[in-house]
C-alpha atoms as a PDB file:
ATOM      1  CA  MET A   1     182.067 161.079  96.868  1.00  0.00           C
ATOM      2  CA  ARG A   2     185.032 160.475  94.568  1.00  0.00           C
ATOM      3  CA  LYS A   3     184.619 156.766  95.203  1.00  0.00           C
ATOM      4  CA  TYR A   4     180.982 156.826  94.025  1.00  0.00           C
ATOM      5  CA  VAL A   5     181.863 158.811  90.905  1.00  0.00           C
ATOM      6  CA  SER A   6     184.670 156.475  89.893  1.00  0.00           C
ATOM      7  CA  THR A   7     182.578 153.373  90.573  1.00  0.00           C
ATOM      8  CA  GLY A   8     179.716 154.742  88.482  1.00  0.00           C
ATOM      9  CA  ALA A   9     182.090 155.581  85.652  1.00  0.00           C
ATOM     10  CA  LEU A  10     183.507 152.058  85.721  1.00  0.00           C
ATOM     11  CA  ILE A  11     180.017 150.608  85.447  1.00  0.00           C
ATOM     12  CA  LEU A  12     179.314 152.905  82.483  1.00  0.00           C
ATOM     13  CA  LEU A  13     182.464 151.720  80.756  1.00  0.00           C
ATOM     14  CA  GLY A  14     181.471 148.104  81.375  1.00  0.00           C
ATOM     15  CA  VAL A  15     178.085 148.646  79.750  1.00  0.00           C
ATOM     16  CA  LEU A  16     179.683 150.291  76.724  1.00  0.00           C
ATOM     17  CA  VAL A  17     182.117 147.420  76.293  1.00  0.00           C
ATOM     18  CA  VAL A  18     179.395 144.763  76.476  1.00  0.00           C
ATOM     19  CA  GLN A  19     177.132 146.612  74.030  1.00  0.00           C
ATOM     20  CA  GLY A  20     179.791 146.728  71.298  1.00  0.00           C
ATOM     21  CA  GLY A  21     179.566 148.622  67.998  1.00  0.00           C
ATOM     22  CA  PRO A  22     179.521 152.444  68.153  1.00  0.00           C
ATOM     23  CA  LEU A  23     179.044 152.391  71.901  1.00  0.00           C
ATOM     24  CA  PHE A  24     182.183 150.330  72.274  1.00  0.00           C
ATOM     25  CA  LYS A  25     184.170 152.891  70.277  1.00  0.00           C
ATOM     26  CA  ALA A  26     182.700 155.676  72.378  1.00  0.00           C
ATOM     27  CA  LYS A  27     184.240 154.035  75.420  1.00  0.00           C
ATOM     28  CA  LEU A  28     187.685 155.131  74.283  1.00  0.00           C
ATOM     29  CA  SER A  29     186.842 158.830  74.150  1.00  0.00           C
ATOM     30  CA  LEU A  30     184.901 158.654  77.394  1.00  0.00           C
ATOM     31  CA  SER A  31     187.775 156.982  79.200  1.00  0.00           C
ATOM     32  CA  SER A  32     190.099 159.719  77.944  1.00  0.00           C
ATOM     33  CA  LEU A  33     187.686 162.488  78.922  1.00  0.00           C
ATOM     34  CA  PHE A  34     187.113 161.208  82.430  1.00  0.00           C
ATOM     35  CA  GLY A  35     190.570 159.736  82.954  1.00  0.00           C
ATOM     36  CA  ASP A  36     191.375 162.020  85.859  1.00  0.00           C
ATOM     37  CA  VAL A  37     188.063 161.301  87.565  1.00  0.00           C
ATOM     38  CA  LEU A  38     188.474 157.545  87.215  1.00  0.00           C
ATOM     39  CA  GLY A  39     192.052 157.572  88.342  1.00  0.00           C
ATOM     40  CA  ALA A  40     191.146 159.519  91.470  1.00  0.00           C
ATOM     41  CA  GLY A  41     189.062 156.635  92.808  1.00  0.00           C
ATOM     42  CA  PHE A  42     191.674 153.896  92.439  1.00  0.00           C
ATOM     43  CA  ASP A  43     194.943 153.448  94.293  1.00  0.00           C
ATOM     44  CA  ASN A  44     196.483 151.898  91.202  1.00  0.00           C
ATOM     45  CA  ALA A  45     195.637 153.037  87.663  1.00  0.00           C
ATOM     46  CA  GLU A  46     196.674 149.613  86.383  1.00  0.00           C
ATOM     47  CA  ASP A  47     193.864 148.067  88.411  1.00  0.00           C
ATOM     48  CA  LEU A  48     191.296 149.995  86.384  1.00  0.00           C
ATOM     49  CA  LYS A  49     192.974 149.052  83.115  1.00  0.00           C
ATOM     50  CA  ARG A  50     192.937 145.368  84.055  1.00  0.00           C
ATOM     51  CA  ARG A  51     189.235 145.502  84.869  1.00  0.00           C
ATOM     52  CA  VAL A  52     188.383 147.156  81.560  1.00  0.00           C
ATOM     53  CA  ASP A  53     190.555 144.616  79.696  1.00  0.00           C
ATOM     54  CA  VAL A  54     188.656 141.770  81.344  1.00  0.00           C
ATOM     55  CA  LEU A  55     185.343 143.261  80.212  1.00  0.00           C
ATOM     56  CA  GLU A  56     186.675 143.658  76.671  1.00  0.00           C
ATOM     57  CA  ASP A  57     187.842 140.022  76.569  1.00  0.00           C
ATOM     58  CA  GLU A  58     184.498 138.754  77.848  1.00  0.00           C
ATOM     59  CA  ASN A  59     182.644 140.869  75.291  1.00  0.00           C
ATOM     60  CA  GLU A  60     184.753 139.554  72.405  1.00  0.00           C
ATOM     61  CA  SER A  61     184.356 135.949  73.558  1.00  0.00           C
ATOM     62  CA  LEU A  62     180.585 136.312  73.736  1.00  0.00           C
ATOM     63  CA  ARG A  63     180.463 137.960  70.308  1.00  0.00           C
ATOM     64  CA  ILE A  64     182.425 135.094  68.726  1.00  0.00           C
ATOM     65  CA  GLN A  65     180.158 132.503  70.344  1.00  0.00           C
ATOM     66  CA  LEU A  66     177.021 134.217  69.070  1.00  0.00           C
ATOM     67  CA  LEU A  67     178.399 134.593  65.550  1.00  0.00           C
ATOM     68  CA  GLY A  68     179.421 130.948  65.551  1.00  0.00           C
ATOM     69  CA  LYS A  69     175.920 129.816  66.441  1.00  0.00           C
ATOM     70  CA  GLU A  70     174.394 132.021  63.754  1.00  0.00           C
ATOM     71  CA  ASN A  71     176.754 130.694  61.096  1.00  0.00           C
ATOM     72  CA  ASP A  72     176.231 127.048  62.057  1.00  0.00           C
ATOM     73  CA  ALA A  73     172.636 126.909  60.891  1.00  0.00           C
ATOM     74  CA  VAL A  74     170.218 127.898  58.168  1.00  0.00           C
ATOM     75  CA  ARG A  75     167.212 128.944  60.219  1.00  0.00           C
ATOM     76  CA  SER A  76     163.436 128.652  59.878  1.00  0.00           C
ATOM     77  CA  ILE A  77     163.045 126.387  56.855  1.00  0.00           C
ATOM     78  CA  LYS A  78     159.507 125.374  55.988  1.00  0.00           C
ATOM     79  CA  VAL A  79     158.530 121.704  55.730  1.00  0.00           C
ATOM     80  CA  TYR A  80     156.487 120.749  52.661  1.00  0.00           C
ATOM     81  CA  SER A  81     153.170 119.008  53.222  1.00  0.00           C
ATOM     82  CA  SER A  82     152.741 115.453  51.935  1.00  0.00           C
ATOM     83  CA  TYR A  83     149.032 115.357  52.789  1.00  0.00           C
ATOM     84  CA  PRO A  84     147.053 113.155  52.188  1.00  0.00           C
ATOM     85  CA  PHE A  85     149.985 110.829  51.558  1.00  0.00           C
ATOM     86  CA  SER A  86     152.369 110.586  54.448  1.00  0.00           C
ATOM     87  CA  SER A  87     155.735 108.942  54.909  1.00  0.00           C
ATOM     88  CA  ARG A  88     157.378 108.911  58.301  1.00  0.00           C
ATOM     89  CA  SER A  89     160.696 107.954  56.708  1.00  0.00           C
ATOM     90  CA  GLU A  90     161.196 111.074  54.584  1.00  0.00           C
ATOM     91  CA  LEU A  91     160.095 114.685  54.287  1.00  0.00           C
ATOM     92  CA  ALA A  92     160.840 117.583  51.939  1.00  0.00           C
ATOM     93  CA  ILE A  93     161.999 121.030  53.029  1.00  0.00           C
ATOM     94  CA  ALA A  94     161.908 124.393  51.222  1.00  0.00           C
ATOM     95  CA  ALA A  95     165.654 125.011  50.995  1.00  0.00           C
ATOM     96  CA  GLY A  96     168.343 123.518  48.800  1.00  0.00           C
ATOM     97  CA  GLY A  97     171.682 124.141  47.183  1.00  0.00           C
ATOM     98  CA  SER A  98     170.910 127.809  46.587  1.00  0.00           C
ATOM     99  CA  GLN A  99     170.589 128.255  50.357  1.00  0.00           C
ATOM    100  CA  GLY A 100     173.798 126.348  51.078  1.00  0.00           C
ATOM    101  CA  ILE A 101     172.167 123.063  52.102  1.00  0.00           C
ATOM    102  CA  LYS A 102     174.354 119.972  51.678  1.00  0.00           C
ATOM    103  CA  SER A 103     173.750 116.241  51.857  1.00  0.00           C
ATOM    104  CA  GLY A 104     174.507 114.713  55.253  1.00  0.00           C
ATOM    105  CA  GLU A 105     173.678 117.785  57.334  1.00  0.00           C
ATOM    106  CA  ALA A 106     171.611 117.462  60.513  1.00  0.00           C
ATOM    107  CA  VAL A 107     168.004 118.655  60.538  1.00  0.00           C
ATOM    108  CA  VAL A 108     166.624 119.937  63.852  1.00  0.00           C
ATOM    109  CA  HIS A 109     163.329 121.269  65.223  1.00  0.00           C
ATOM    110  CA  SER A 110     163.089 123.999  67.889  1.00  0.00           C
ATOM    111  CA  GLY A 111     166.869 124.060  68.184  1.00  0.00           C
ATOM    112  CA  THR A 112     167.075 120.910  70.326  1.00  0.00           C
ATOM    113  CA  ILE A 113     165.049 118.067  68.738  1.00  0.00           C
ATOM    114  CA  LEU A 114     166.660 115.874  66.075  1.00  0.00           C
ATOM    115  CA  VAL A 115     164.484 115.399  62.978  1.00  0.00           C
ATOM    116  CA  GLY A 116     166.883 113.593  60.682  1.00  0.00           C
ATOM    117  CA  GLN A 117     169.569 114.096  58.057  1.00  0.00           C
ATOM    118  CA  VAL A 118     169.614 115.696  54.600  1.00  0.00           C
ATOM    119  CA  LYS A 119     169.511 112.889  52.022  1.00  0.00           C
ATOM    120  CA  SER A 120     169.471 114.715  48.679  1.00  0.00           C
ATOM    121  CA  VAL A 121     169.604 118.342  47.562  1.00  0.00           C
ATOM    122  CA  LEU A 122     168.016 120.209  44.645  1.00  0.00           C
ATOM    123  CA  LYS A 123     168.333 123.907  43.819  1.00  0.00           C
ATOM    124  CA  SER A 124     165.617 125.139  46.193  1.00  0.00           C
ATOM    125  CA  SER A 125     164.464 122.036  48.063  1.00  0.00           C
ATOM    126  CA  SER A 126     165.896 119.003  49.835  1.00  0.00           C
ATOM    127  CA  VAL A 127     164.803 115.547  50.955  1.00  0.00           C
ATOM    128  CA  VAL A 128     165.379 114.594  54.584  1.00  0.00           C
ATOM    129  CA  THR A 129     165.629 111.084  56.001  1.00  0.00           C
ATOM    130  CA  THR A 130     163.927 111.130  59.402  1.00  0.00           C
ATOM    131  CA  ILE A 131     164.712 109.210  62.571  1.00  0.00           C
ATOM    132  CA  PHE A 132     161.683 107.029  61.780  1.00  0.00           C
ATOM    133  CA  ASP A 133     163.352 105.478  58.731  1.00  0.00           C
ATOM    134  CA  PRO A 134     163.815 101.703  59.299  1.00  0.00           C
ATOM    135  CA  SER A 135     167.485 101.935  58.298  1.00  0.00           C
ATOM    136  CA  TRP A 136     168.244 104.689  60.826  1.00  0.00           C
ATOM    137  CA  GLU A 137     170.870 103.877  63.467  1.00  0.00           C
ATOM    138  CA  MET A 138     172.911 106.176  65.660  1.00  0.00           C
ATOM    139  CA  ALA A 139     174.909 106.267  68.879  1.00  0.00           C
ATOM    140  CA  VAL A 140     173.018 107.812  71.800  1.00  0.00           C
ATOM    141  CA  ARG A 141     173.365 108.439  75.526  1.00  0.00           C
ATOM    142  CA  ILE A 142     170.727 107.874  78.169  1.00  0.00           C
ATOM    143  CA  GLY A 143     169.874 109.819  81.317  1.00  0.00           C
ATOM    144  CA  ASP A 144     172.034 111.669  83.813  1.00  0.00           C
ATOM    145  CA  SER A 145     174.499 108.761  83.863  1.00  0.00           C
ATOM    146  CA  GLU A 146     175.075 109.228  80.110  1.00  0.00           C
ATOM    147  CA  VAL A 147     174.835 105.512  79.368  1.00  0.00           C
ATOM    148  CA  ASP A 148     175.997 104.602  75.852  1.00  0.00           C
ATOM    149  CA  ALA A 149     173.517 102.765  73.629  1.00  0.00           C
ATOM    150  CA  LEU A 150     172.314 102.361  70.045  1.00  0.00           C
ATOM    151  CA  MET A 151     169.084 103.836  68.700  1.00  0.00           C
ATOM    152  CA  SER A 152     167.245 102.240  65.774  1.00  0.00           C
ATOM    153  CA  GLY A 153     164.544 103.866  63.657  1.00  0.00           C
ATOM    154  CA  GLY A 154     161.223 102.570  62.363  1.00  0.00           C
ATOM    155  CA  ASN A 155     157.589 103.219  63.196  1.00  0.00           C
ATOM    156  CA  GLU A 156     158.463 102.227  66.761  1.00  0.00           C
ATOM    157  CA  LEU A 157     161.814 103.622  67.871  1.00  0.00           C
ATOM    158  CA  SER A 158     164.006 101.339  69.955  1.00  0.00           C
ATOM    159  CA  ILE A 159     167.187 101.398  72.016  1.00  0.00           C
ATOM    160  CA  SER A 160     169.552  98.432  72.150  1.00  0.00           C
ATOM    161  CA  LEU A 161     173.006  97.495  73.450  1.00  0.00           C
ATOM    162  CA  ILE A 162     172.301  98.996  76.877  1.00  0.00           C
ATOM    163  CA  PRO A 163     174.784  97.427  79.332  1.00  0.00           C
ATOM    164  CA  GLN A 164     173.041  95.096  81.771  1.00  0.00           C
ATOM    165  CA  ASP A 165     174.499  96.877  84.802  1.00  0.00           C
ATOM    166  CA  ALA A 166     173.713 100.394  83.527  1.00  0.00           C
ATOM    167  CA  LEU A 167     171.602 102.738  85.650  1.00  0.00           C
ATOM    168  CA  VAL A 168     168.725 103.297  83.225  1.00  0.00           C
ATOM    169  CA  GLU A 169     165.104 103.962  84.168  1.00  0.00           C
ATOM    170  CA  GLU A 170     161.847 104.568  82.370  1.00  0.00           C
ATOM    171  CA  GLY A 171     161.491 108.292  81.733  1.00  0.00           C
ATOM    172  CA  ASP A 172     165.214 108.875  81.168  1.00  0.00           C
ATOM    173  CA  THR A 173     165.969 111.296  78.333  1.00  0.00           C
ATOM    174  CA  VAL A 174     167.835 110.015  75.270  1.00  0.00           C
ATOM    175  CA  ILE A 175     170.160 112.380  73.380  1.00  0.00           C
ATOM    176  CA  SER A 176     172.367 112.196  70.293  1.00  0.00           C
ATOM    177  CA  ALA A 177     175.997 111.183  70.830  1.00  0.00           C
ATOM    178  CA  ASP A 178     176.885 110.266  67.243  1.00  0.00           C
ATOM    179  CA  LYS A 179     179.872 112.015  65.658  1.00  0.00           C
ATOM    180  CA  ASN A 180     177.818 112.806  62.543  1.00  0.00           C
ATOM    181  CA  PHE A 181     175.398 115.038  64.480  1.00  0.00           C
ATOM    182  CA  PRO A 182     175.548 117.926  66.959  1.00  0.00           C
ATOM    183  CA  TYR A 183     175.955 116.493  70.446  1.00  0.00           C
ATOM    184  CA  GLY A 184     173.024 116.485  72.860  1.00  0.00           C
ATOM    185  CA  LEU A 185     170.044 116.761  70.507  1.00  0.00           C
ATOM    186  CA  GLU A 186     166.912 115.341  72.088  1.00  0.00           C
ATOM    187  CA  LEU A 187     165.409 112.150  70.665  1.00  0.00           C
ATOM    188  CA  GLY A 188     162.875 111.192  73.310  1.00  0.00           C
ATOM    189  CA  TYR A 189     162.633 109.264  76.555  1.00  0.00           C
ATOM    190  CA  ILE A 190     162.681 105.641  77.665  1.00  0.00           C
ATOM    191  CA  LYS A 191     159.094 104.416  77.531  1.00  0.00           C
ATOM    192  CA  GLU A 192     159.647 100.807  78.532  1.00  0.00           C
ATOM    193  CA  LEU A 193     162.658  98.694  79.497  1.00  0.00           C
ATOM    194  CA  HIS A 194     163.078  95.093  78.317  1.00  0.00           C
ATOM    195  CA  ASN A 195     165.422  93.204  80.586  1.00  0.00           C
ATOM    196  CA  THR A 196     165.797  89.459  80.073  1.00  0.00           C
ATOM    197  CA  GLU A 197     167.768  87.577  82.703  1.00  0.00           C
ATOM    198  CA  GLY A 198     170.981  86.181  81.304  1.00  0.00           C
ATOM    199  CA  ASP A 199     171.225  88.638  78.420  1.00  0.00           C
ATOM    200  CA  VAL A 200     174.357  90.758  78.133  1.00  0.00           C
ATOM    201  CA  PHE A 201     172.397  93.871  77.138  1.00  0.00           C
ATOM    202  CA  GLN A 202     169.079  95.508  77.917  1.00  0.00           C
ATOM    203  CA  GLU A 203     166.701  96.915  75.317  1.00  0.00           C
ATOM    204  CA  ALA A 204     164.104  99.668  75.529  1.00  0.00           C
ATOM    205  CA  ALA A 205     161.229 101.279  73.656  1.00  0.00           C
ATOM    206  CA  LEU A 206     161.786 104.967  72.905  1.00  0.00           C
ATOM    207  CA  GLU A 207     158.967 107.520  72.997  1.00  0.00           C
ATOM    208  CA  PRO A 208     160.018 110.198  70.465  1.00  0.00           C
ATOM    209  CA  THR A 209     159.906 113.904  71.215  1.00  0.00           C
ATOM    210  CA  LEU A 210     159.470 114.638  67.500  1.00  0.00           C
ATOM    211  CA  LYS A 211     155.879 114.829  66.234  1.00  0.00           C
ATOM    212  CA  LEU A 212     155.891 114.756  62.427  1.00  0.00           C
ATOM    213  CA  LYS A 213     152.194 115.594  62.060  1.00  0.00           C
ATOM    214  CA  THR A 214     152.671 119.032  63.582  1.00  0.00           C
ATOM    215  CA  LEU A 215     156.151 119.710  62.168  1.00  0.00           C
ATOM    216  CA  ARG A 216     156.159 122.944  60.126  1.00  0.00           C
ATOM    217  CA  ASP A 217     159.639 124.465  60.516  1.00  0.00           C
ATOM    218  CA  VAL A 218     163.146 123.037  60.853  1.00  0.00           C
ATOM    219  CA  THR A 219     166.763 124.160  61.081  1.00  0.00           C
ATOM    220  CA  VAL A 220     169.615 122.648  59.068  1.00  0.00           C
ATOM    221  CA  TYR A 221     173.021 122.574  60.754  1.00  0.00           C
ATOM    222  CA  ARG A 222     176.001 123.049  58.451  1.00  0.00           C
END
């Protein structure tokens, strides 16, 4: 019976630690109140302390990670309409210097899809260069083998400088690997491979994940 009581109390303490805030503080008084009960179920009181310390460390680590993610991005920014005129190279968003936006920051959709990069910033709006701009180039990686390559923008996205002996197939996912952007953002997948005998590198057509016509909200990474 004492074993069940002490085990249940340990679980309660674990929940309080993970929850944080006022509940976390309450853990201290609870552990003091039920100290005798807890101690009765363990051969070594230090064993209990170590277990609680582990839970506290895990809770703090998780809290820091979550805060870091929240502070890395300005979330849910609206995209201005350019209808009936449309440019695939640029778009305007409803956030600017007043919201902390800066030139050169990465613009993302749905948390995982790369849209482009902030080009210029006004007080409450910004202009974004998209991955469809003809001058766009960035380092990428392809598929599970993480093959290095170069992506180029334009109306038709393309991948070049793929090593001839690389294990690349149609349908492989292409992600960002450029130092100027968050790693692993999705760009699209290999639609068609172009392999000419004797060439040092392969080339490929890239089918983009991003659909500008339906794009309404973005995130800007600081």
